[in-house]
Full PDB file with SEQRES, HELIX, SHEET, SSBOND, CRYST1, ORIGX, SCALE, CONECT and MASTER records, all heavy atoms in Angstrom:
SEQRES   1 A   31  MET SER ARG ILE GLY GLY LYS PRO ILE GLU VAL PRO SER          
SEQRES   2 A   31  GLY VAL THR VAL ASP ALA LYS ASP ALA ALA VAL THR VAL          
SEQRES   3 A   31  LYS GLY PRO LYS GLY                                          
SHEET    1 AA1 2 THR A  16  LYS A  20  0                                        
SHEET    2 AA1 2 ALA A  23  LYS A  27 -1                                        
CRYST1    1.000    1.000    1.000  90.00  90.00  90.00 P 1           1          
ORIGX1      1.000000  0.000000  0.000000        0.00000                         
ORIGX2      0.000000  1.000000  0.000000        0.00000                         
ORIGX3      0.000000  0.000000  1.000000        0.00000                         
SCALE1      1.000000  0.000000  0.000000        0.00000                         
SCALE2      0.000000  1.000000  0.000000        0.00000                         
SCALE3      0.000000  0.000000  1.000000        0.00000                         
ATOM      1  N   MET A   1     101.547  78.721  95.990  1.00  0.00           N  
ATOM      2  CA  MET A   1     101.358  79.944  95.229  1.00  0.00           C  
ATOM      3  C   MET A   1     100.265  80.777  95.896  1.00  0.00           C  
ATOM      4  O   MET A   1      99.207  80.281  96.231  1.00  0.00           O  
ATOM      5  CB  MET A   1     100.947  79.574  93.811  1.00  0.00           C  
ATOM      6  CG  MET A   1     100.651  80.748  92.960  1.00  0.00           C  
ATOM      7  SD  MET A   1     100.262  80.187  91.308  1.00  0.00           S  
ATOM      8  CE  MET A   1      99.177  81.471  90.832  1.00  0.00           C  
ATOM      9  N   SER A   2     100.545  82.048  96.073  1.00  0.00           N  
ATOM     10  CA  SER A   2      99.566  82.941  96.675  1.00  0.00           C  
ATOM     11  C   SER A   2      98.609  83.432  95.600  1.00  0.00           C  
ATOM     12  O   SER A   2      99.006  84.091  94.651  1.00  0.00           O  
ATOM     13  CB  SER A   2     100.267  84.135  97.324  1.00  0.00           C  
ATOM     14  OG  SER A   2      99.315  85.055  97.781  1.00  0.00           O  
ATOM     15  N   ARG A   3      97.353  83.080  95.746  1.00  0.00           N  
ATOM     16  CA  ARG A   3      96.372  83.528  94.765  1.00  0.00           C  
ATOM     17  C   ARG A   3      95.893  84.933  95.067  1.00  0.00           C  
ATOM     18  O   ARG A   3      95.571  85.689  94.166  1.00  0.00           O  
ATOM     19  CB  ARG A   3      95.204  82.560  94.733  1.00  0.00           C  
ATOM     20  CG  ARG A   3      95.623  81.213  94.229  1.00  0.00           C  
ATOM     21  CD  ARG A   3      94.492  80.271  94.142  1.00  0.00           C  
ATOM     22  NE  ARG A   3      95.014  78.996  93.663  1.00  0.00           N  
ATOM     23  CZ  ARG A   3      94.335  77.899  93.665  1.00  0.00           C  
ATOM     24  NH1 ARG A   3      93.108  77.872  94.134  1.00  0.00           N  
ATOM     25  NH2 ARG A   3      94.865  76.792  93.212  1.00  0.00           N  
ATOM     26  N   ILE A   4      95.823  85.278  96.342  1.00  0.00           N  
ATOM     27  CA  ILE A   4      95.400  86.626  96.713  1.00  0.00           C  
ATOM     28  C   ILE A   4      96.477  87.628  96.326  1.00  0.00           C  
ATOM     29  O   ILE A   4      96.196  88.702  95.818  1.00  0.00           O  
ATOM     30  CB  ILE A   4      95.086  86.704  98.215  1.00  0.00           C  
ATOM     31  CG1 ILE A   4      93.877  85.852  98.538  1.00  0.00           C  
ATOM     32  CG2 ILE A   4      94.880  88.143  98.666  1.00  0.00           C  
ATOM     33  CD1 ILE A   4      93.557  85.752  99.997  1.00  0.00           C  
ATOM     34  N   GLY A   5      97.724  87.279  96.556  1.00  0.00           N  
ATOM     35  CA  GLY A   5      98.822  88.191  96.256  1.00  0.00           C  
ATOM     36  C   GLY A   5      98.961  88.509  94.787  1.00  0.00           C  
ATOM     37  O   GLY A   5      99.487  89.554  94.416  1.00  0.00           O  
ATOM     38  N   GLY A   6      98.489  87.637  93.920  1.00  0.00           N  
ATOM     39  CA  GLY A   6      98.625  87.862  92.491  1.00  0.00           C  
ATOM     40  C   GLY A   6      97.567  88.762  91.890  1.00  0.00           C  
ATOM     41  O   GLY A   6      97.702  89.205  90.753  1.00  0.00           O  
ATOM     42  N   LYS A   7      96.502  89.047  92.633  1.00  0.00           N  
ATOM     43  CA  LYS A   7      95.435  89.888  92.101  1.00  0.00           C  
ATOM     44  C   LYS A   7      95.878  91.351  92.059  1.00  0.00           C  
ATOM     45  O   LYS A   7      96.426  91.862  93.027  1.00  0.00           O  
ATOM     46  CB  LYS A   7      94.183  89.785  92.971  1.00  0.00           C  
ATOM     47  CG  LYS A   7      93.513  88.450  92.930  1.00  0.00           C  
ATOM     48  CD  LYS A   7      92.269  88.471  93.792  1.00  0.00           C  
ATOM     49  CE  LYS A   7      91.563  87.146  93.772  1.00  0.00           C  
ATOM     50  NZ  LYS A   7      90.360  87.165  94.616  1.00  0.00           N  
ATOM     51  N   PRO A   8      95.617  92.042  90.967  1.00  0.00           N  
ATOM     52  CA  PRO A   8      95.967  93.469  90.917  1.00  0.00           C  
ATOM     53  C   PRO A   8      94.992  94.300  91.755  1.00  0.00           C  
ATOM     54  O   PRO A   8      93.852  93.904  91.989  1.00  0.00           O  
ATOM     55  CB  PRO A   8      95.859  93.822  89.435  1.00  0.00           C  
ATOM     56  CG  PRO A   8      94.946  92.794  88.873  1.00  0.00           C  
ATOM     57  CD  PRO A   8      95.110  91.555  89.695  1.00  0.00           C  
ATOM     58  N   ILE A   9      95.453  95.443  92.206  1.00  0.00           N  
ATOM     59  CA  ILE A   9      94.643  96.361  93.005  1.00  0.00           C  
ATOM     60  C   ILE A   9      94.270  97.538  92.114  1.00  0.00           C  
ATOM     61  O   ILE A   9      95.152  98.236  91.610  1.00  0.00           O  
ATOM     62  CB  ILE A   9      95.419  96.850  94.243  1.00  0.00           C  
ATOM     63  CG1 ILE A   9      95.844  95.671  95.105  1.00  0.00           C  
ATOM     64  CG2 ILE A   9      94.585  97.842  95.039  1.00  0.00           C  
ATOM     65  CD1 ILE A   9      96.844  96.050  96.182  1.00  0.00           C  
ATOM     66  N   GLU A  10      92.987  97.750  91.927  1.00  0.00           N  
ATOM     67  CA  GLU A  10      92.515  98.892  91.140  1.00  0.00           C  
ATOM     68  C   GLU A  10      92.656 100.161  91.974  1.00  0.00           C  
ATOM     69  O   GLU A  10      92.219 100.202  93.119  1.00  0.00           O  
ATOM     70  CB  GLU A  10      91.053  98.703  90.746  1.00  0.00           C  
ATOM     71  CG  GLU A  10      90.801  97.513  89.854  1.00  0.00           C  
ATOM     72  CD  GLU A  10      91.334  97.704  88.450  1.00  0.00           C  
ATOM     73  OE1 GLU A  10      91.430  98.863  87.995  1.00  0.00           O  
ATOM     74  OE2 GLU A  10      91.653  96.685  87.816  1.00  0.00           O  
ATOM     75  N   VAL A  11      93.243 101.184  91.393  1.00  0.00           N  
ATOM     76  CA  VAL A  11      93.390 102.470  92.075  1.00  0.00           C  
ATOM     77  C   VAL A  11      92.382 103.433  91.470  1.00  0.00           C  
ATOM     78  O   VAL A  11      92.512 103.825  90.306  1.00  0.00           O  
ATOM     79  CB  VAL A  11      94.824 103.013  91.935  1.00  0.00           C  
ATOM     80  CG1 VAL A  11      94.963 104.346  92.645  1.00  0.00           C  
ATOM     81  CG2 VAL A  11      95.825 102.011  92.475  1.00  0.00           C  
ATOM     82  N   PRO A  12      91.330 103.818  92.237  1.00  0.00           N  
ATOM     83  CA  PRO A  12      90.320 104.728  91.679  1.00  0.00           C  
ATOM     84  C   PRO A  12      90.878 106.141  91.503  1.00  0.00           C  
ATOM     85  O   PRO A  12      91.919 106.502  92.065  1.00  0.00           O  
ATOM     86  CB  PRO A  12      89.205 104.701  92.726  1.00  0.00           C  
ATOM     87  CG  PRO A  12      89.812 104.180  93.964  1.00  0.00           C  
ATOM     88  CD  PRO A  12      91.010 103.381  93.584  1.00  0.00           C  
ATOM     89  N   SER A  13      90.178 106.947  90.712  1.00  0.00           N  
ATOM     90  CA  SER A  13      90.607 108.322  90.509  1.00  0.00           C  
ATOM     91  C   SER A  13      90.484 109.090  91.821  1.00  0.00           C  
ATOM     92  O   SER A  13      89.578 108.857  92.612  1.00  0.00           O  
ATOM     93  CB  SER A  13      89.762 108.989  89.423  1.00  0.00           C  
ATOM     94  OG  SER A  13      88.412 109.015  89.820  1.00  0.00           O  
ATOM     95  N   GLY A  14      91.402 109.964  92.067  1.00  0.00           N  
ATOM     96  CA  GLY A  14      91.414 110.730  93.304  1.00  0.00           C  
ATOM     97  C   GLY A  14      92.277 110.106  94.379  1.00  0.00           C  
ATOM     98  O   GLY A  14      92.457 110.688  95.440  1.00  0.00           O  
ATOM     99  N   VAL A  15      92.811 108.923  94.131  1.00  0.00           N  
ATOM    100  CA  VAL A  15      93.673 108.241  95.092  1.00  0.00           C  
ATOM    101  C   VAL A  15      95.083 108.218  94.527  1.00  0.00           C  
ATOM    102  O   VAL A  15      95.297 107.845  93.376  1.00  0.00           O  
ATOM    103  CB  VAL A  15      93.180 106.805  95.364  1.00  0.00           C  
ATOM    104  CG1 VAL A  15      94.149 106.065  96.268  1.00  0.00           C  
ATOM    105  CG2 VAL A  15      91.801 106.819  95.973  1.00  0.00           C  
ATOM    106  N   THR A  16      96.056 108.648  95.341  1.00  0.00           N  
ATOM    107  CA  THR A  16      97.458 108.618  94.932  1.00  0.00           C  
ATOM    108  C   THR A  16      98.211 107.646  95.818  1.00  0.00           C  
ATOM    109  O   THR A  16      97.975 107.568  97.024  1.00  0.00           O  
ATOM    110  CB  THR A  16      98.111 110.016  95.035  1.00  0.00           C  
ATOM    111  OG1 THR A  16      98.027 110.465  96.385  1.00  0.00           O  
ATOM    112  CG2 THR A  16      97.422 111.008  94.126  1.00  0.00           C  
ATOM    113  N   VAL A  17      99.120 106.902  95.201  1.00  0.00           N  
ATOM    114  CA  VAL A  17      99.937 105.925  95.909  1.00  0.00           C  
ATOM    115  C   VAL A  17     101.385 106.314  95.703  1.00  0.00           C  
ATOM    116  O   VAL A  17     101.851 106.446  94.563  1.00  0.00           O  
ATOM    117  CB  VAL A  17      99.670 104.502  95.384  1.00  0.00           C  
ATOM    118  CG1 VAL A  17     100.547 103.504  96.107  1.00  0.00           C  
ATOM    119  CG2 VAL A  17      98.206 104.139  95.541  1.00  0.00           C  
ATOM    120  N   ASP A  18     102.111 106.504  96.812  1.00  0.00           N  
ATOM    121  CA  ASP A  18     103.513 106.896  96.764  1.00  0.00           C  
ATOM    122  C   ASP A  18     104.324 105.846  97.500  1.00  0.00           C  
ATOM    123  O   ASP A  18     104.160 105.670  98.705  1.00  0.00           O  
ATOM    124  CB  ASP A  18     103.689 108.282  97.396  1.00  0.00           C  
ATOM    125  CG  ASP A  18     105.111 108.783  97.295  1.00  0.00           C  
ATOM    126  OD1 ASP A  18     105.778 108.467  96.293  1.00  0.00           O  
ATOM    127  OD2 ASP A  18     105.554 109.497  98.219  1.00  0.00           O  
ATOM    128  N   ALA A  19     105.193 105.132  96.772  1.00  0.00           N  
ATOM    129  CA  ALA A  19     105.998 104.069  97.371  1.00  0.00           C  
ATOM    130  C   ALA A  19     107.443 104.524  97.482  1.00  0.00           C  
ATOM    131  O   ALA A  19     108.068 104.878  96.490  1.00  0.00           O  
ATOM    132  CB  ALA A  19     105.909 102.810  96.525  1.00  0.00           C  
ATOM    133  N   LYS A  20     107.957 104.527  98.707  1.00  0.00           N  
ATOM    134  CA  LYS A  20     109.366 104.836  98.963  1.00  0.00           C  
ATOM    135  C   LYS A  20     109.927 103.711  99.818  1.00  0.00           C  
ATOM    136  O   LYS A  20     109.507 103.524 100.960  1.00  0.00           O  
ATOM    137  CB  LYS A  20     109.510 106.164  99.686  1.00  0.00           C  
ATOM    138  CG  LYS A  20     109.134 107.351  98.844  1.00  0.00           C  
ATOM    139  CD  LYS A  20     109.366 108.636  99.583  1.00  0.00           C  
ATOM    140  CE  LYS A  20     108.931 109.807  98.724  1.00  0.00           C  
ATOM    141  NZ  LYS A  20     109.019 111.073  99.430  1.00  0.00           N  
ATOM    142  N   ASP A  21     110.852 102.962  99.240  1.00  0.00           N  
ATOM    143  CA  ASP A  21     111.450 101.793  99.897  1.00  0.00           C  
ATOM    144  C   ASP A  21     110.355 100.831 100.350  1.00  0.00           C  
ATOM    145  O   ASP A  21     109.622 100.318  99.545  1.00  0.00           O  
ATOM    146  CB  ASP A  21     112.347 102.224 101.052  1.00  0.00           C  
ATOM    147  CG  ASP A  21     113.527 103.073 100.576  1.00  0.00           C  
ATOM    148  OD1 ASP A  21     113.990 102.828  99.448  1.00  0.00           O  
ATOM    149  OD2 ASP A  21     113.956 103.968 101.315  1.00  0.00           O  
ATOM    150  N   ALA A  22     110.216 100.608 101.649  1.00  0.00           N  
ATOM    151  CA  ALA A  22     109.224  99.664 102.160  1.00  0.00           C  
ATOM    152  C   ALA A  22     107.963 100.368 102.640  1.00  0.00           C  
ATOM    153  O   ALA A  22     107.023  99.709 103.062  1.00  0.00           O  
ATOM    154  CB  ALA A  22     109.814  98.846 103.295  1.00  0.00           C  
ATOM    155  N   ALA A  23     107.919 101.682 102.584  1.00  0.00           N  
ATOM    156  CA  ALA A  23     106.758 102.439 103.066  1.00  0.00           C  
ATOM    157  C   ALA A  23     105.916 102.895 101.874  1.00  0.00           C  
ATOM    158  O   ALA A  23     106.429 103.502 100.941  1.00  0.00           O  
ATOM    159  CB  ALA A  23     107.197 103.635 103.881  1.00  0.00           C  
ATOM    160  N   VAL A  24     104.637 102.588 101.925  1.00  0.00           N  
ATOM    161  CA  VAL A  24     103.706 102.998 100.876  1.00  0.00           C  
ATOM    162  C   VAL A  24     102.681 103.929 101.507  1.00  0.00           C  
ATOM    163  O   VAL A  24     102.009 103.564 102.472  1.00  0.00           O  
ATOM    164  CB  VAL A  24     103.006 101.769 100.250  1.00  0.00           C  
ATOM    165  CG1 VAL A  24     102.033 102.216  99.174  1.00  0.00           C  
ATOM    166  CG2 VAL A  24     104.016 100.798  99.690  1.00  0.00           C  
ATOM    167  N   THR A  25     102.575 105.143 100.978  1.00  0.00           N  
ATOM    168  CA  THR A  25     101.608 106.117 101.464  1.00  0.00           C  
ATOM    169  C   THR A  25     100.458 106.205 100.472  1.00  0.00           C  
ATOM    170  O   THR A  25     100.671 106.396  99.282  1.00  0.00           O  
ATOM    171  CB  THR A  25     102.276 107.495 101.630  1.00  0.00           C  
ATOM    172  OG1 THR A  25     103.404 107.364 102.488  1.00  0.00           O  
ATOM    173  CG2 THR A  25     101.304 108.493 102.228  1.00  0.00           C  
ATOM    174  N   VAL A  26      99.242 106.048 100.997  1.00  0.00           N  
ATOM    175  CA  VAL A  26      98.038 106.091 100.164  1.00  0.00           C  
ATOM    176  C   VAL A  26      97.222 107.300 100.606  1.00  0.00           C  
ATOM    177  O   VAL A  26      96.855 107.418 101.772  1.00  0.00           O  
ATOM    178  CB  VAL A  26      97.216 104.791 100.314  1.00  0.00           C  
ATOM    179  CG1 VAL A  26      96.021 104.823  99.396  1.00  0.00           C  
ATOM    180  CG2 VAL A  26      98.070 103.572 100.047  1.00  0.00           C  
ATOM    181  N   LYS A  27      96.942 108.219  99.653  1.00  0.00           N  
ATOM    182  CA  LYS A  27      96.173 109.427  99.949  1.00  0.00           C  
ATOM    183  C   LYS A  27      94.911 109.430  99.107  1.00  0.00           C  
ATOM    184  O   LYS A  27      94.926 109.079  97.933  1.00  0.00           O  
ATOM    185  CB  LYS A  27      96.981 110.687  99.633  1.00  0.00           C  
ATOM    186  CG  LYS A  27      98.201 110.860 100.486  1.00  0.00           C  
ATOM    187  CD  LYS A  27      98.948 112.119 100.114  1.00  0.00           C  
ATOM    188  CE  LYS A  27     100.231 112.212 100.919  1.00  0.00           C  
ATOM    189  NZ  LYS A  27     101.019 113.383 100.537  1.00  0.00           N  
ATOM    190  N   GLY A  28      93.812 109.851  99.736  1.00  0.00           N  
ATOM    191  CA  GLY A  28      92.543 109.916  99.033  1.00  0.00           C  
ATOM    192  C   GLY A  28      91.626 110.939  99.662  1.00  0.00           C  
ATOM    193  O   GLY A  28      92.010 111.654 100.587  1.00  0.00           O  
ATOM    194  N   PRO A  29      90.372 111.011  99.202  1.00  0.00           N  
ATOM    195  CA  PRO A  29      89.443 112.012  99.729  1.00  0.00           C  
ATOM    196  C   PRO A  29      89.069 111.784 101.193  1.00  0.00           C  
ATOM    197  O   PRO A  29      88.685 112.717 101.885  1.00  0.00           O  
ATOM    198  CB  PRO A  29      88.220 111.887  98.827  1.00  0.00           C  
ATOM    199  CG  PRO A  29      88.366 110.629  98.078  1.00  0.00           C  
ATOM    200  CD  PRO A  29      89.807 110.253  98.094  1.00  0.00           C  
ATOM    201  N   LYS A  30      89.183 110.563 101.704  1.00  0.00           N  
ATOM    202  CA  LYS A  30      88.806 110.267 103.093  1.00  0.00           C  
ATOM    203  C   LYS A  30      89.986 110.327 104.052  1.00  0.00           C  
ATOM    204  O   LYS A  30      89.799 110.141 105.253  1.00  0.00           O  
ATOM    205  CB  LYS A  30      88.173 108.881 103.180  1.00  0.00           C  
ATOM    206  CG  LYS A  30      86.907 108.739 102.406  1.00  0.00           C  
ATOM    207  CD  LYS A  30      85.740 108.867 103.310  1.00  0.00           C  
ATOM    208  CE  LYS A  30      84.462 108.647 102.518  1.00  0.00           C  
ATOM    209  NZ  LYS A  30      83.315 109.035 103.227  1.00  0.00           N  
ATOM    210  N   GLY A  31      91.197 110.566 103.559  1.00  0.00           N  
ATOM    211  CA  GLY A  31      92.338 110.669 104.463  1.00  0.00           C  
ATOM    212  C   GLY A  31      93.600 110.075 103.866  1.00  0.00           C  
ATOM    213  O   GLY A  31      93.705 109.820 102.673  1.00  0.00           O  
TER     214      GLY A  31                                                      
MASTER        0    0    0    0    2    0    0    6  213    1    0    3          
END                                                                             
């Protein structure tokens, strides 16, 4: 069992996550 894989990822305000198929785009104030 993967213990790291089961942890949720907190998404802070100002960060957007866009998932399309296998590609995940993460946008934030730093890029």
